[in-house]
N, C-alpha and C. Protein backbone atom coordinates (compact mmCIF):
# COMPACT_ATOMS: atom_id res chain seq x y z
N MET A 1 101.56 99.31 96.76
CA MET A 1 101.99 100.03 97.33
C MET A 1 102.43 101.42 97.72
N HIS A 2 101.93 101.85 96.91
CA HIS A 2 101.68 103.36 96.72
C HIS A 2 100.50 103.47 97.90
N HIS A 3 99.39 102.69 97.51
CA HIS A 3 98.53 103.14 98.76
C HIS A 3 99.46 103.14 100.57
N ARG A 4 100.28 102.04 101.46
CA ARG A 4 100.96 102.22 102.13
C ARG A 4 102.09 103.04 102.26
N VAL A 5 102.39 103.42 101.41
CA VAL A 5 103.66 104.94 101.53
C VAL A 5 102.36 106.31 102.02
N MET A 6 101.78 106.13 101.38
CA MET A 6 101.05 107.29 101.89
C MET A 6 100.72 107.58 103.12
N ASN A 7 100.07 105.52 102.73
CA ASN A 7 99.12 106.25 105.02
C ASN A 7 99.92 105.71 106.39
N ARG A 8 100.84 105.23 105.33
CA ARG A 8 102.28 105.25 106.13
C ARG A 8 102.83 106.42 106.76
N PHE A 9 103.33 107.50 105.90
CA PHE A 9 103.95 108.76 106.12
C PHE A 9 102.31 110.02 106.29
N GLN A 10 101.12 109.48 106.15
CA GLN A 10 100.87 110.46 106.52
C GLN A 10 101.29 111.12 105.19
N LEU A 11 100.50 111.39 103.78
CA LEU A 11 101.26 112.21 102.80
C LEU A 11 99.58 112.37 101.98
N SER A 12 99.81 113.39 100.96
CA SER A 12 98.60 114.27 100.44
C SER A 12 99.02 113.68 99.46
N ALA A 13 97.94 113.55 98.14
CA ALA A 13 98.72 113.00 96.65
C ALA A 13 99.81 113.83 96.43
N ARG A 14 99.99 115.00 96.65
CA ARG A 14 100.85 116.42 95.74
C ARG A 14 102.03 115.31 96.57
N THR A 15 101.68 115.47 97.66
CA THR A 15 103.17 115.41 97.94
C THR A 15 103.85 114.27 98.08
N TYR A 16 102.86 112.91 97.61
CA TYR A 16 103.86 111.69 97.84
C TYR A 16 103.46 111.86 95.86
N HIS A 17 103.14 112.78 95.21
CA HIS A 17 104.22 112.93 93.49
C HIS A 17 104.91 113.13 93.64
N ARG A 18 104.93 114.04 94.43
CA ARG A 18 106.62 115.44 94.47
C ARG A 18 107.94 114.20 94.87
N ILE A 19 107.44 113.49 95.57
CA ILE A 19 108.02 112.05 96.31
C ILE A 19 108.45 111.13 95.00
N LEU A 20 107.81 111.00 94.09
CA LEU A 20 107.82 110.26 93.24
C LEU A 20 109.04 110.85 92.21
N LYS A 21 108.70 111.48 92.10
CA LYS A 21 109.43 112.89 91.05
C LYS A 21 110.44 113.03 91.47
N LEU A 22 110.75 113.09 91.87
CA LEU A 22 112.47 113.57 93.05
C LEU A 22 112.56 111.54 92.90
N SER A 23 112.14 110.30 93.54
CA SER A 23 112.82 109.49 93.73
C SER A 23 113.31 108.74 92.23
N ARG A 24 112.49 109.18 91.45
CA ARG A 24 113.07 109.05 89.35
C ARG A 24 113.89 110.01 89.33
N THR A 25 114.75 111.05 89.98
CA THR A 25 115.51 111.87 90.48
C THR A 25 116.32 111.27 89.96
N ILE A 26 116.78 110.54 90.94
CA ILE A 26 117.48 109.93 92.11
C ILE A 26 117.58 108.45 91.14
N ALA A 27 117.01 108.00 90.93
CA ALA A 27 117.63 106.83 90.35
C ALA A 27 117.86 107.13 89.16
N ASP A 28 117.78 107.50 88.26
CA ASP A 28 118.42 108.73 87.28
C ASP A 28 119.97 108.64 87.15
N LEU A 29 119.75 109.84 88.42
CA LEU A 29 121.22 109.60 88.91
C LEU A 29 122.24 109.29 88.28
N LYS A 30 121.81 107.84 89.52
CA LYS A 30 121.93 105.89 89.98
C LYS A 30 122.18 105.30 88.40
N GLY A 31 121.41 105.69 87.29
CA GLY A 31 121.76 105.43 86.14
C GLY A 31 120.62 104.40 85.85
N LYS A 32 120.04 104.13 87.22
CA LYS A 32 118.58 103.07 86.53
C LYS A 32 117.38 103.11 85.89
N LYS A 33 117.22 102.42 85.84
CA LYS A 33 115.71 102.40 84.49
C LYS A 33 114.38 102.73 85.22
N ASP A 34 114.94 101.56 86.44
CA ASP A 34 113.08 102.38 87.46
C ASP A 34 113.57 102.71 88.96
N ILE A 35 113.44 102.78 89.62
CA ILE A 35 112.68 103.36 90.60
C ILE A 35 112.44 102.52 91.47
N ASP A 36 113.19 101.80 92.66
CA ASP A 36 112.97 100.95 93.45
C ASP A 36 112.55 101.44 95.40
N VAL A 37 112.66 100.55 96.22
CA VAL A 37 112.42 101.33 97.54
C VAL A 37 113.39 102.17 98.02
N SER A 38 114.19 101.71 97.20
CA SER A 38 115.74 102.55 98.06
C SER A 38 115.90 104.13 97.34
N ASP A 39 115.21 103.64 96.36
CA ASP A 39 115.03 106.04 95.35
C ASP A 39 113.84 106.31 96.72
N ILE A 40 112.55 105.46 97.00
CA ILE A 40 111.47 106.23 97.53
C ILE A 40 112.00 107.48 98.87
N SER A 41 112.99 106.16 99.47
CA SER A 41 113.42 105.81 101.11
C SER A 41 114.19 107.40 101.27
N LEU A 42 115.04 107.45 100.49
CA LEU A 42 115.88 107.68 100.33
C LEU A 42 115.08 110.07 100.02
N ALA A 43 114.68 109.54 98.76
CA ALA A 43 113.50 111.00 98.77
C ALA A 43 112.80 111.43 100.03
N ILE A 44 112.15 110.08 100.78
CA ILE A 44 110.71 110.20 101.67
C ILE A 44 112.41 110.69 102.67
N LYS A 45 113.52 111.27 102.78
CA LYS A 45 113.93 110.97 104.29
C LYS A 45 114.77 112.60 103.85
N MET A 46 114.65 112.41 102.51
CA MET A 46 115.39 114.76 101.89
C MET A 46 114.08 114.93 102.47
N ARG A 47 112.55 114.53 102.05
CA ARG A 47 111.31 115.36 102.39
C ARG A 47 111.86 115.50 103.56
N ASN A 48 111.83 115.02 104.84
CA ASN A 48 111.49 114.71 105.80
C ASN A 48 113.00 115.85 105.94
N LEU A 49 114.12 116.28 105.72
CA LEU A 49 114.86 116.71 106.19
C LEU A 49 114.86 117.85 106.10
N ASP A 50 114.05 118.69 104.63
CA ASP A 50 113.69 120.23 103.98
C ASP A 50 112.86 120.61 104.89
N LYS A 51 111.39 119.19 105.71
CA LYS A 51 110.37 120.06 106.95
C LYS A 51 112.10 119.95 107.93
N ALA A 52 112.62 119.40 108.34
CA ALA A 52 112.85 120.06 109.58
C ALA A 52 113.80 121.34 109.76
N LEU A 53 114.33 121.79 108.81
CA LEU A 53 115.06 123.04 108.66
C LEU A 53 114.12 124.05 108.48
């Protein structure tokens, strides 16, 4: 899964790591033990929103 996300969104390793950290925070705020696809998706959306500003 990691390589698919990196390739699809053309992410560097550093950017991907930041998205994973944000995904972990999102999952923590939801009270979840594990990160799932919805957490990663939200992190990517937040990254894209930040880039647009």
